[in-house]
Amino acid sequence: MADTITSSGYRSDSGPQIGSLGKRTINLLPKNPMDKTTIVSVYPREIIDTKPTLFPSRFIIPPAPQDSFSLLVISGASYFIPSPIDKQPPTEVQVNSMMLAESILHDSIPSMNLVSATHRPGVFAIPGEFNKTTILKYVHADGRSFQQLINEAKEWQQSYWTDIMNEADYFWSSSNGNPKAIPEDAKLAAKILGIEKTKPWMSNVVASELINCRFCGEMINPNFPICKHCHHVVDEKKYKTLNPIVEGK
């Protein structure tokens, strides 16, 4: 399979290793089939990174499910240097997959100013191609198992949550209570840690998630099956899962 560039983007086919970019024809250098890197994430949000100067240029790391992780396997990429000679094709420069992975992680972190070696959202890269089964057997060069790497990433994340909420406290104070000054990751961290009610900058977020009770019209939390104002059951399904004790039985 040969990689080609066409005016409509990237594709692979069995044709010659030649493509067209605008009115110019370029030859793609052979790629190393072993050049793979797996990005591992325990970050609960989707990460999208676009690098306009690279080909391919768009990378999406899926959100990590609760108490689990997500993976993205990437290959190397290329960028092109225009030729100083008229009508000559540009020169392709390849970027290996590990360098690309580090660039993706660096550029996609929402609050890079808070990030350090031990304070990160919980995303890291492993050389090689893995899936959710094979990666469980991975052992780092220093002897750490994959589970140890995951636990370490979760510790980084806890420190990151603390840092970004502290920053949100500062932003809230310095902006005189402007909700637009609060980073999305700070709101996410407050929810995950269960302290959203203690943060004044979360009041708008909590309020936006409330709904009107269909019996009394008061604002209620949709996660609870009984209205705290009129005490009607507003969600029969959730109410039944609680197995309430019936009086007299």
Protein backbone atom coordinates (compact mmCIF):
# COMPACT_ATOMS: atom_id res chain seq x y z
CA MET A 1 0.00 0.00 0.00
CA ALA A 2 1.45 3.32 -1.02
CA ASP A 3 0.63 6.61 0.67
CA THR A 4 -0.41 9.43 -1.59
CA ILE A 5 -1.44 13.03 -1.21
CA THR A 6 -4.22 14.33 -3.40
CA SER A 7 -6.01 17.64 -3.58
CA SER A 8 -8.76 16.17 -1.38
CA GLY A 9 -6.47 14.91 1.39
CA TYR A 10 -4.92 11.65 2.52
CA ARG A 11 -5.63 8.15 1.25
CA SER A 12 -3.87 4.84 0.75
CA ASP A 13 -4.06 2.71 -2.37
CA SER A 14 -2.02 0.32 -4.43
CA GLY A 15 -1.06 2.90 -7.04
CA PRO A 16 2.31 4.58 -7.51
CA GLN A 17 3.77 6.52 -4.60
CA ILE A 18 2.95 9.81 -6.24
CA GLY A 19 0.31 12.40 -5.47
CA SER A 20 -0.71 15.92 -6.33
CA LEU A 21 -0.82 18.93 -4.04
CA GLY A 22 -2.45 21.79 -5.89
CA LYS A 23 -0.68 21.78 -9.27
CA ARG A 24 2.47 20.08 -7.99
CA THR A 25 3.25 16.39 -7.90
CA ILE A 26 5.15 15.07 -4.92
CA ASN A 27 6.70 11.75 -4.00
CA LEU A 28 6.15 10.54 -0.44
CA LEU A 29 9.09 8.95 1.30
CA PRO A 30 8.63 5.33 2.43
CA LYS A 31 7.31 5.11 5.99
CA ASN A 32 8.66 2.82 8.67
CA PRO A 33 5.83 0.33 9.40
CA MET A 34 7.26 -0.20 12.90
CA ASP A 35 7.07 3.50 13.77
CA LYS A 36 4.02 3.40 16.05
CA THR A 37 3.25 5.06 19.38
CA THR A 38 0.25 4.45 21.63
CA ILE A 39 -1.16 7.42 23.56
CA VAL A 40 -2.84 6.37 26.83
CA SER A 41 -5.37 8.60 28.57
CA VAL A 42 -7.18 8.54 31.91
CA TYR A 43 -8.49 12.04 31.15
CA PRO A 44 -12.33 12.00 31.05
CA ARG A 45 -12.60 14.50 28.19
CA GLU A 46 -11.97 14.04 24.47
CA ILE A 47 -8.73 15.61 23.29
CA ILE A 48 -8.62 17.03 19.75
CA ASP A 49 -5.35 18.36 18.38
CA THR A 50 -4.98 19.84 14.90
CA LYS A 51 -1.59 20.54 13.38
CA PRO A 52 -2.16 22.40 10.08
CA THR A 53 1.47 22.07 8.96
CA LEU A 54 1.56 18.26 9.35
CA PHE A 55 0.15 15.45 7.25
CA PRO A 56 -1.94 13.83 8.63
CA SER A 57 -2.99 16.82 10.73
CA ARG A 58 -5.88 15.87 13.02
CA PHE A 59 -5.62 13.64 16.08
CA ILE A 60 -8.43 12.65 18.44
CA ILE A 61 -7.83 10.95 21.80
CA PRO A 62 -11.13 9.47 23.07
CA PRO A 63 -12.34 10.33 26.57
CA ALA A 64 -11.38 7.76 29.20
CA PRO A 65 -14.34 5.80 30.63
CA GLN A 66 -14.75 5.95 34.40
CA ASP A 67 -12.15 3.77 36.16
CA SER A 68 -10.58 2.83 32.83
CA PHE A 69 -8.44 4.32 30.04
CA SER A 70 -8.59 5.12 26.33
CA LEU A 71 -6.00 4.62 23.59
CA LEU A 72 -4.93 6.27 20.35
CA VAL A 73 -2.32 4.62 18.12
CA ILE A 74 -0.46 7.00 15.81
CA SER A 75 2.16 6.66 13.08
CA GLY A 76 4.72 9.25 12.05
CA ALA A 77 3.72 12.37 10.15
CA SER A 78 5.32 14.67 7.59
CA TYR A 79 5.64 18.34 6.82
CA PHE A 80 6.79 19.90 3.57
CA ILE A 81 9.36 22.60 2.83
CA PRO A 82 8.68 24.57 -0.37
CA SER A 83 11.40 24.27 -3.00
CA PRO A 84 13.37 27.44 -3.82
CA ILE A 85 13.41 26.27 -7.44
CA ASP A 86 10.34 27.16 -9.47
CA LYS A 87 7.96 24.29 -10.29
CA GLN A 88 9.94 21.83 -8.19
CA PRO A 89 8.04 19.70 -5.62
CA PRO A 90 8.40 20.51 -1.91
CA THR A 91 10.74 18.50 0.30
CA GLU A 92 9.11 16.09 2.72
CA VAL A 93 10.41 15.99 6.31
CA GLN A 94 9.23 13.08 8.44
CA VAL A 95 8.45 13.32 12.16
CA ASN A 96 8.62 10.05 14.11
CA SER A 97 5.58 8.92 16.06
CA MET A 98 7.02 9.45 19.56
CA MET A 99 8.02 13.05 18.79
CA LEU A 100 4.57 13.58 17.33
CA ALA A 101 2.91 12.07 20.41
CA GLU A 102 4.85 14.38 22.74
CA SER A 103 3.83 17.34 20.59
CA ILE A 104 0.17 16.29 20.70
CA LEU A 105 0.25 15.96 24.50
CA HIS A 106 2.01 19.32 24.92
CA ASP A 107 -0.29 21.25 22.57
CA SER A 108 -3.57 19.70 23.71
CA ILE A 109 -3.29 20.36 27.45
CA PRO A 110 -5.83 23.12 28.26
CA SER A 111 -3.78 24.81 31.01
CA MET A 112 -0.16 24.24 30.01
CA ASN A 113 1.08 26.81 32.54
CA LEU A 114 0.05 24.46 35.37
CA VAL A 115 1.65 21.34 33.97
CA SER A 116 4.82 19.84 35.40
CA ALA A 117 6.36 16.37 35.52
CA THR A 118 4.01 15.34 38.33
CA HIS A 119 1.00 17.58 37.63
CA ARG A 120 -0.68 16.53 34.39
CA PRO A 121 -4.18 15.66 33.11
CA GLY A 122 -3.25 11.97 32.97
CA VAL A 123 -2.15 11.33 29.38
CA PHE A 124 1.11 9.65 28.40
CA ALA A 125 2.72 7.86 25.45
CA ILE A 126 4.15 4.35 25.07
CA PRO A 127 6.36 3.31 22.14
CA GLY A 128 4.76 0.64 19.94
CA GLU A 129 1.28 -0.36 18.84
CA PHE A 130 -1.09 -1.77 21.47
CA ASN A 131 -4.76 -2.44 22.02
CA LYS A 132 -6.63 -2.65 25.34
CA THR A 133 -5.64 -6.28 25.79
CA THR A 134 -2.00 -6.31 24.72
CA ILE A 135 -1.14 -3.12 26.57
CA LEU A 136 -1.93 -4.75 29.92
CA LYS A 137 1.28 -6.80 29.53
CA TYR A 138 3.46 -3.77 28.78
CA VAL A 139 6.46 -3.23 31.03
CA HIS A 140 8.42 0.03 30.96
CA ALA A 141 12.18 -0.02 30.45
CA ASP A 142 12.64 0.81 34.15
CA GLY A 143 10.51 -2.16 35.24
CA ARG A 144 7.20 -0.39 35.92
CA SER A 145 4.11 -2.34 34.85
CA PHE A 146 1.30 -0.80 32.82
CA GLN A 147 -0.92 -0.71 35.92
CA GLN A 148 1.78 1.22 37.77
CA LEU A 149 1.93 3.72 34.90
CA ILE A 150 -1.86 4.12 35.05
CA ASN A 151 -1.77 4.66 38.83
CA GLU A 152 0.97 7.24 38.37
CA ALA A 153 -1.08 9.03 35.70
CA LYS A 154 -4.03 9.17 38.11
CA GLU A 155 -1.81 10.71 40.78
CA TRP A 156 -0.64 13.33 38.25
CA GLN A 157 -4.27 14.01 37.48
CA GLN A 158 -5.26 14.53 41.11
CA SER A 159 -2.48 17.12 41.47
CA TYR A 160 -3.59 18.76 38.23
CA TRP A 161 -7.22 18.94 39.45
CA THR A 162 -6.05 20.67 42.64
CA ASP A 163 -3.88 23.15 40.76
CA ILE A 164 -6.55 24.08 38.24
CA MET A 165 -9.20 24.58 40.93
CA ASN A 166 -6.82 26.83 42.85
CA GLU A 167 -6.34 28.79 39.64
CA ALA A 168 -10.12 28.98 39.23
CA ASP A 169 -10.43 30.42 42.77
CA TYR A 170 -7.92 33.12 41.78
CA PHE A 171 -9.69 33.87 38.49
CA TRP A 172 -13.06 34.08 40.27
CA SER A 173 -11.70 36.56 42.79
CA SER A 174 -9.72 38.70 40.35
CA SER A 175 -12.58 38.86 37.80
CA ASN A 176 -15.20 39.85 40.40
CA GLY A 177 -17.14 36.65 39.90
CA ASN A 178 -17.08 36.37 36.12
CA PRO A 179 -18.11 32.77 35.25
CA LYS A 180 -16.37 33.03 31.86
CA ALA A 181 -13.02 33.23 33.66
CA ILE A 182 -13.34 29.68 35.00
CA PRO A 183 -11.53 26.96 32.97
CA GLU A 184 -13.67 24.01 31.88
CA ASP A 185 -11.21 21.61 33.51
CA ALA A 186 -11.78 23.32 36.87
CA LYS A 187 -15.54 22.67 36.59
CA LEU A 188 -14.85 19.08 35.62
CA ALA A 189 -12.45 18.63 38.54
CA ALA A 190 -14.97 20.01 41.05
CA LYS A 191 -17.58 17.51 39.82
CA ILE A 192 -15.21 14.55 39.86
CA LEU A 193 -14.01 15.35 43.38
CA GLY A 194 -17.58 15.98 44.57
CA ILE A 195 -16.91 19.49 45.87
CA GLU A 196 -18.94 21.54 43.39
CA LYS A 197 -21.19 22.83 46.16
CA THR A 198 -18.19 24.31 48.00
CA LYS A 199 -17.03 26.36 45.01
CA PRO A 200 -18.92 29.64 44.38
CA TRP A 201 -17.85 29.60 40.73
CA MET A 202 -19.76 26.32 40.27
CA SER A 203 -23.12 27.88 41.16
CA ASN A 204 -23.94 28.74 37.54
CA VAL A 205 -22.96 25.27 36.38
CA VAL A 206 -25.08 23.51 39.02
CA ALA A 207 -28.00 25.83 38.31
CA SER A 208 -27.82 25.14 34.58
CA GLU A 209 -28.20 21.40 35.27
CA LEU A 210 -31.39 21.77 37.31
CA ILE A 211 -34.83 21.10 35.82
CA ASN A 212 -38.38 22.09 36.77
CA CYS A 213 -40.41 19.59 38.79
CA ARG A 214 -43.45 18.63 36.67
CA PHE A 215 -45.66 18.65 39.78
CA CYS A 216 -44.74 21.85 41.62
CA GLY A 217 -42.53 23.72 39.14
CA GLU A 218 -39.60 24.16 41.54
CA MET A 219 -36.02 23.61 40.33
CA ILE A 220 -34.70 20.14 41.15
CA ASN A 221 -31.68 17.94 40.47
CA PRO A 222 -32.64 15.41 37.75
CA ASN A 223 -30.36 12.79 39.35
CA PHE A 224 -32.77 12.38 42.28
CA PRO A 225 -36.12 10.59 41.75
CA ILE A 226 -38.11 12.51 44.38
CA CYS A 227 -38.78 16.25 44.39
CA LYS A 228 -37.37 17.79 47.57
CA HIS A 229 -40.10 20.46 47.54
CA CYS A 230 -43.40 18.60 46.95
CA HIS A 231 -42.05 15.06 47.55
CA HIS A 232 -43.63 13.62 44.40
CA VAL A 233 -41.83 10.82 42.56
CA VAL A 234 -40.56 12.47 39.38
CA ASP A 235 -38.61 9.49 38.02
CA GLU A 236 -40.35 6.14 38.50
CA LYS A 237 -37.44 4.10 37.11
CA LYS A 238 -34.84 5.55 39.46
CA TYR A 239 -37.29 5.38 42.36
CA LYS A 240 -37.82 1.62 41.85
CA THR A 241 -34.08 0.93 41.77
CA LEU A 242 -33.83 2.33 45.31
CA ASN A 243 -36.12 -0.45 46.65
CA PRO A 244 -37.96 1.89 49.02
CA ILE A 245 -39.44 0.39 52.20
CA VAL A 246 -43.23 0.43 52.05
CA GLU A 247 -44.91 1.36 55.33
CA GLY A 248 -46.91 -1.38 56.98
CA LYS A 249 -44.95 -4.25 55.36
